[in-house]
Amino acid sequence: MTQHYGIKVNTILNAVDKLNSDLDYLCALVEQPDPEFPICNAVAFSHAVVALSNQLDFLVEDISQNMLSEDEEHVRLTKDHIVMLSGYSENAEEAMRALEEVCGISLQNN
């Protein structure tokens, strides 16, 4: 028997909105470069974009396909989903730390 866990639908929607906003900000730096925040390391920058994109894709493509709880307030997750979600989050956080260290670009501070 597989044990299921739950995450609030609103939590997922908020995370999707935040990730979209973060990706929009990073893409804007490419489309309209800011002299105050130059992209001095394309590898660090692209790693951050890919990490955020992967996290967003997992939420939108995989998690959104899961069944809802009976009250429709929670999305059901397996332990594997939780481990994967944690991994994507850790990768994104690591990539954003590297982007801040290398390029001085921080989603929280900029």
N, C-alpha and C. Protein backbone atom coordinates (compact mmCIF):
# COMPACT_ATOMS: atom_id res chain seq x y z
N MET A 1 0.84 -1.17 0.00
CA MET A 1 0.00 0.00 0.00
C MET A 1 0.89 1.25 0.00
N THR A 2 0.60 2.17 -0.89
CA THR A 2 1.35 3.42 -0.98
C THR A 2 0.74 4.45 -0.05
N GLN A 3 1.60 5.03 0.77
CA GLN A 3 1.13 6.08 1.66
C GLN A 3 1.12 7.41 0.90
N HIS A 4 0.05 8.17 1.09
CA HIS A 4 -0.07 9.45 0.42
C HIS A 4 0.04 10.59 1.42
N TYR A 5 0.56 11.67 0.93
CA TYR A 5 0.68 12.90 1.70
C TYR A 5 -0.09 13.97 0.93
N GLY A 6 -0.22 15.12 1.52
CA GLY A 6 -0.94 16.17 0.82
C GLY A 6 -0.23 17.50 0.90
N ILE A 7 -0.44 18.29 -0.13
CA ILE A 7 0.04 19.66 -0.16
C ILE A 7 -1.13 20.52 -0.63
N LYS A 8 -1.31 21.66 0.00
CA LYS A 8 -2.44 22.51 -0.34
C LYS A 8 -2.35 22.97 -1.79
N VAL A 9 -3.49 22.99 -2.44
CA VAL A 9 -3.56 23.46 -3.82
C VAL A 9 -3.05 24.89 -3.89
N ASN A 10 -3.45 25.72 -2.92
CA ASN A 10 -2.99 27.12 -2.91
C ASN A 10 -1.48 27.23 -2.79
N THR A 11 -0.86 26.33 -2.06
CA THR A 11 0.60 26.33 -1.93
C THR A 11 1.24 26.07 -3.29
N ILE A 12 0.70 25.15 -4.03
CA ILE A 12 1.22 24.85 -5.36
C ILE A 12 1.01 26.04 -6.29
N LEU A 13 -0.18 26.62 -6.26
CA LEU A 13 -0.47 27.76 -7.12
C LEU A 13 0.43 28.94 -6.79
N ASN A 14 0.67 29.18 -5.51
CA ASN A 14 1.57 30.26 -5.11
C ASN A 14 3.00 30.00 -5.58
N ALA A 15 3.43 28.74 -5.47
CA ALA A 15 4.78 28.38 -5.92
C ALA A 15 4.91 28.57 -7.43
N VAL A 16 3.89 28.19 -8.17
CA VAL A 16 3.91 28.36 -9.63
C VAL A 16 3.98 29.85 -9.98
N ASP A 17 3.19 30.66 -9.30
CA ASP A 17 3.23 32.11 -9.54
C ASP A 17 4.61 32.69 -9.24
N LYS A 18 5.20 32.29 -8.12
CA LYS A 18 6.52 32.78 -7.72
C LYS A 18 7.59 32.36 -8.73
N LEU A 19 7.55 31.10 -9.13
CA LEU A 19 8.54 30.61 -10.10
C LEU A 19 8.39 31.33 -11.44
N ASN A 20 7.15 31.55 -11.88
CA ASN A 20 6.92 32.29 -13.13
C ASN A 20 7.48 33.71 -13.02
N SER A 21 7.24 34.34 -11.90
CA SER A 21 7.73 35.69 -11.67
C SER A 21 9.26 35.72 -11.68
N ASP A 22 9.88 34.77 -11.01
CA ASP A 22 11.34 34.69 -10.97
C ASP A 22 11.92 34.47 -12.37
N LEU A 23 11.30 33.58 -13.13
CA LEU A 23 11.79 33.33 -14.49
C LEU A 23 11.58 34.56 -15.38
N ASP A 24 10.46 35.24 -15.22
CA ASP A 24 10.22 36.47 -15.98
C ASP A 24 11.30 37.50 -15.69
N TYR A 25 11.67 37.64 -14.42
CA TYR A 25 12.71 38.59 -14.03
C TYR A 25 14.04 38.23 -14.69
N LEU A 26 14.41 36.97 -14.62
CA LEU A 26 15.68 36.55 -15.21
C LEU A 26 15.68 36.73 -16.73
N CYS A 27 14.56 36.40 -17.36
CA CYS A 27 14.47 36.57 -18.81
C CYS A 27 14.53 38.04 -19.20
N ALA A 28 13.95 38.90 -18.36
CA ALA A 28 14.00 40.34 -18.63
C ALA A 28 15.44 40.85 -18.59
N LEU A 29 16.28 40.25 -17.74
CA LEU A 29 17.68 40.66 -17.69
C LEU A 29 18.42 40.32 -18.98
N VAL A 30 17.95 39.30 -19.69
CA VAL A 30 18.56 38.95 -20.97
C VAL A 30 18.00 39.85 -22.06
N GLU A 31 16.69 40.05 -22.04
CA GLU A 31 16.04 40.84 -23.09
C GLU A 31 16.39 42.33 -22.98
N GLN A 32 16.48 42.83 -21.75
CA GLN A 32 16.81 44.23 -21.51
C GLN A 32 17.86 44.29 -20.42
N PRO A 33 19.11 44.10 -20.78
CA PRO A 33 20.19 44.05 -19.77
C PRO A 33 20.21 45.30 -18.89
N ASP A 34 20.49 45.06 -17.63
CA ASP A 34 20.59 46.14 -16.64
C ASP A 34 22.07 46.29 -16.32
N PRO A 35 22.64 47.47 -16.53
CA PRO A 35 24.07 47.65 -16.26
C PRO A 35 24.44 47.41 -14.79
N GLU A 36 23.46 47.53 -13.91
CA GLU A 36 23.72 47.30 -12.49
C GLU A 36 23.84 45.80 -12.18
N PHE A 37 23.18 44.96 -12.99
CA PHE A 37 23.19 43.52 -12.77
C PHE A 37 23.61 42.79 -14.04
N PRO A 38 24.87 42.89 -14.41
CA PRO A 38 25.31 42.23 -15.64
C PRO A 38 25.37 40.70 -15.46
N ILE A 39 25.11 40.04 -16.54
CA ILE A 39 25.23 38.58 -16.55
C ILE A 39 26.67 38.27 -16.93
N CYS A 40 27.51 38.18 -15.93
CA CYS A 40 28.94 38.01 -16.18
C CYS A 40 29.35 36.54 -16.29
N ASN A 41 28.41 35.64 -16.02
CA ASN A 41 28.72 34.22 -16.13
C ASN A 41 27.49 33.51 -16.69
N ALA A 42 27.55 33.20 -17.99
CA ALA A 42 26.40 32.59 -18.66
C ALA A 42 26.07 31.21 -18.10
N VAL A 43 27.06 30.49 -17.64
CA VAL A 43 26.81 29.15 -17.10
C VAL A 43 26.01 29.23 -15.81
N ALA A 44 26.41 30.09 -14.90
CA ALA A 44 25.68 30.26 -13.65
C ALA A 44 24.27 30.76 -13.92
N PHE A 45 24.15 31.69 -14.85
CA PHE A 45 22.84 32.24 -15.18
C PHE A 45 21.93 31.17 -15.78
N SER A 46 22.44 30.44 -16.75
CA SER A 46 21.61 29.41 -17.40
C SER A 46 21.28 28.28 -16.42
N HIS A 47 22.20 27.95 -15.53
CA HIS A 47 21.91 26.93 -14.52
C HIS A 47 20.74 27.36 -13.65
N ALA A 48 20.70 28.64 -13.28
CA ALA A 48 19.59 29.15 -12.46
C ALA A 48 18.28 29.08 -13.23
N VAL A 49 18.30 29.48 -14.50
CA VAL A 49 17.09 29.44 -15.31
C VAL A 49 16.58 28.01 -15.47
N VAL A 50 17.49 27.09 -15.74
CA VAL A 50 17.11 25.69 -15.93
C VAL A 50 16.57 25.09 -14.62
N ALA A 51 17.21 25.41 -13.51
CA ALA A 51 16.76 24.87 -12.21
C ALA A 51 15.35 25.36 -11.88
N LEU A 52 15.10 26.64 -12.10
CA LEU A 52 13.75 27.17 -11.85
C LEU A 52 12.74 26.58 -12.82
N SER A 53 13.14 26.43 -14.09
CA SER A 53 12.25 25.84 -15.10
C SER A 53 11.91 24.39 -14.77
N ASN A 54 12.90 23.64 -14.34
CA ASN A 54 12.65 22.24 -13.97
C ASN A 54 11.69 22.13 -12.79
N GLN A 55 11.88 23.00 -11.81
CA GLN A 55 11.00 23.00 -10.66
C GLN A 55 9.58 23.35 -11.09
N LEU A 56 9.45 24.36 -11.93
CA LEU A 56 8.13 24.76 -12.43
C LEU A 56 7.49 23.65 -13.24
N ASP A 57 8.25 23.04 -14.13
CA ASP A 57 7.72 21.93 -14.93
C ASP A 57 7.23 20.79 -14.06
N PHE A 58 7.97 20.46 -13.03
CA PHE A 58 7.55 19.38 -12.14
C PHE A 58 6.21 19.71 -11.49
N LEU A 59 6.07 20.93 -11.02
CA LEU A 59 4.81 21.33 -10.39
C LEU A 59 3.65 21.32 -11.38
N VAL A 60 3.88 21.89 -12.55
CA VAL A 60 2.80 22.04 -13.52
C VAL A 60 2.49 20.73 -14.24
N GLU A 61 3.52 20.03 -14.66
CA GLU A 61 3.31 18.83 -15.47
C GLU A 61 3.05 17.57 -14.65
N ASP A 62 3.76 17.39 -13.56
CA ASP A 62 3.66 16.14 -12.81
C ASP A 62 2.67 16.24 -11.65
N ILE A 63 2.93 17.17 -10.76
CA ILE A 63 2.11 17.28 -9.55
C ILE A 63 0.66 17.62 -9.88
N SER A 64 0.45 18.46 -10.89
CA SER A 64 -0.91 18.87 -11.22
C SER A 64 -1.77 17.71 -11.74
N GLN A 65 -1.13 16.63 -12.14
CA GLN A 65 -1.86 15.46 -12.63
C GLN A 65 -2.35 14.55 -11.49
N ASN A 66 -1.88 14.81 -10.28
CA ASN A 66 -2.25 13.95 -9.15
C ASN A 66 -3.69 14.20 -8.72
N MET A 67 -4.23 13.22 -8.05
CA MET A 67 -5.60 13.33 -7.55
C MET A 67 -5.67 14.34 -6.41
N LEU A 68 -6.84 14.92 -6.26
CA LEU A 68 -7.10 15.83 -5.16
C LEU A 68 -7.69 15.05 -3.99
N SER A 69 -7.60 15.65 -2.81
CA SER A 69 -8.25 15.06 -1.64
C SER A 69 -9.77 15.20 -1.82
N GLU A 70 -10.52 14.55 -0.97
CA GLU A 70 -11.98 14.59 -1.09
C GLU A 70 -12.53 16.01 -0.97
N ASP A 71 -11.91 16.84 -0.14
CA ASP A 71 -12.35 18.22 0.02
C ASP A 71 -11.79 19.14 -1.07
N GLU A 72 -10.96 18.59 -1.95
CA GLU A 72 -10.34 19.28 -3.08
C GLU A 72 -9.46 20.45 -2.66
N GLU A 73 -8.94 20.41 -1.44
CA GLU A 73 -8.04 21.46 -0.96
C GLU A 73 -6.58 21.02 -0.99
N HIS A 74 -6.35 19.72 -1.17
CA HIS A 74 -4.98 19.20 -1.16
C HIS A 74 -4.75 18.32 -2.38
N VAL A 75 -3.52 18.37 -2.87
CA VAL A 75 -3.09 17.46 -3.93
C VAL A 75 -2.38 16.30 -3.25
N ARG A 76 -2.72 15.11 -3.66
CA ARG A 76 -2.10 13.92 -3.07
C ARG A 76 -0.70 13.72 -3.64
N LEU A 77 0.23 13.44 -2.75
CA LEU A 77 1.61 13.19 -3.14
C LEU A 77 2.08 11.87 -2.54
N THR A 78 2.93 11.19 -3.26
CA THR A 78 3.59 10.01 -2.71
C THR A 78 4.91 10.47 -2.10
N LYS A 79 5.55 9.56 -1.42
CA LYS A 79 6.86 9.87 -0.86
C LYS A 79 7.85 10.23 -1.97
N ASP A 80 7.76 9.55 -3.11
CA ASP A 80 8.64 9.85 -4.24
C ASP A 80 8.43 11.28 -4.74
N HIS A 81 7.18 11.72 -4.79
CA HIS A 81 6.91 13.10 -5.21
C HIS A 81 7.55 14.09 -4.24
N ILE A 82 7.46 13.81 -2.97
CA ILE A 82 8.03 14.71 -1.96
C ILE A 82 9.55 14.77 -2.10
N VAL A 83 10.16 13.62 -2.31
CA VAL A 83 11.62 13.58 -2.49
C VAL A 83 12.01 14.35 -3.75
N MET A 84 11.29 14.16 -4.82
CA MET A 84 11.60 14.87 -6.07
C MET A 84 11.38 16.38 -5.92
N LEU A 85 10.29 16.76 -5.28
CA LEU A 85 10.00 18.17 -5.06
C LEU A 85 11.09 18.82 -4.22
N SER A 86 11.54 18.11 -3.21
CA SER A 86 12.63 18.60 -2.37
C SER A 86 13.91 18.75 -3.18
N GLY A 87 14.19 17.79 -4.02
CA GLY A 87 15.39 17.84 -4.86
C GLY A 87 15.37 19.03 -5.82
N TYR A 88 14.23 19.24 -6.46
CA TYR A 88 14.11 20.38 -7.36
C TYR A 88 14.27 21.70 -6.60
N SER A 89 13.70 21.77 -5.42
CA SER A 89 13.82 22.99 -4.60
C SER A 89 15.27 23.23 -4.19
N GLU A 90 15.95 22.18 -3.76
CA GLU A 90 17.36 22.31 -3.36
C GLU A 90 18.22 22.74 -4.55
N ASN A 91 17.98 22.15 -5.72
CA ASN A 91 18.75 22.52 -6.91
C ASN A 91 18.53 23.99 -7.27
N ALA A 92 17.29 24.44 -7.18
CA ALA A 92 16.98 25.84 -7.50
C ALA A 92 17.64 26.78 -6.50
N GLU A 93 17.57 26.44 -5.23
CA GLU A 93 18.20 27.28 -4.20
C GLU A 93 19.71 27.36 -4.40
N GLU A 94 20.32 26.22 -4.70
CA GLU A 94 21.77 26.18 -4.93
C GLU A 94 22.14 27.02 -6.16
N ALA A 95 21.37 26.89 -7.22
CA ALA A 95 21.64 27.65 -8.44
C ALA A 95 21.47 29.15 -8.20
N MET A 96 20.49 29.52 -7.41
CA MET A 96 20.27 30.94 -7.13
C MET A 96 21.38 31.50 -6.23
N ARG A 97 21.87 30.70 -5.30
CA ARG A 97 23.01 31.12 -4.47
C ARG A 97 24.25 31.35 -5.35
N ALA A 98 24.48 30.44 -6.27
CA ALA A 98 25.63 30.57 -7.17
C ALA A 98 25.48 31.80 -8.06
N LEU A 99 24.27 32.06 -8.53
CA LEU A 99 24.03 33.23 -9.36
C LEU A 99 24.31 34.51 -8.59
N GLU A 100 23.92 34.53 -7.35
CA GLU A 100 24.17 35.71 -6.52
C GLU A 100 25.66 35.89 -6.26
N GLU A 101 26.34 34.79 -5.96
CA GLU A 101 27.78 34.87 -5.67
C GLU A 101 28.59 35.27 -6.89
N VAL A 102 28.24 34.72 -8.04
CA VAL A 102 29.03 34.94 -9.26
C VAL A 102 28.65 36.24 -9.97
N CYS A 103 27.34 36.52 -10.05
CA CYS A 103 26.87 37.67 -10.82
C CYS A 103 26.29 38.80 -9.98
N GLY A 104 26.06 38.54 -8.71
CA GLY A 104 25.44 39.57 -7.87
C GLY A 104 23.95 39.71 -8.09
N ILE A 105 23.34 38.73 -8.74
CA ILE A 105 21.89 38.77 -9.04
C ILE A 105 21.17 37.92 -8.00
N SER A 106 20.27 38.55 -7.28
CA SER A 106 19.50 37.86 -6.25
C SER A 106 18.02 38.15 -6.47
N LEU A 107 17.22 37.10 -6.50
CA LEU A 107 15.79 37.30 -6.67
C LEU A 107 15.15 37.96 -5.46
N GLN A 108 15.71 37.77 -4.29
CA GLN A 108 15.16 38.40 -3.09
C GLN A 108 15.59 39.86 -2.98
N ASN A 109 16.79 40.16 -3.37
CA ASN A 109 17.33 41.51 -3.16
C ASN A 109 17.15 42.43 -4.36
N ASN A 110 16.99 41.88 -5.55
CA ASN A 110 16.87 42.72 -6.74
C ASN A 110 15.43 42.87 -7.04
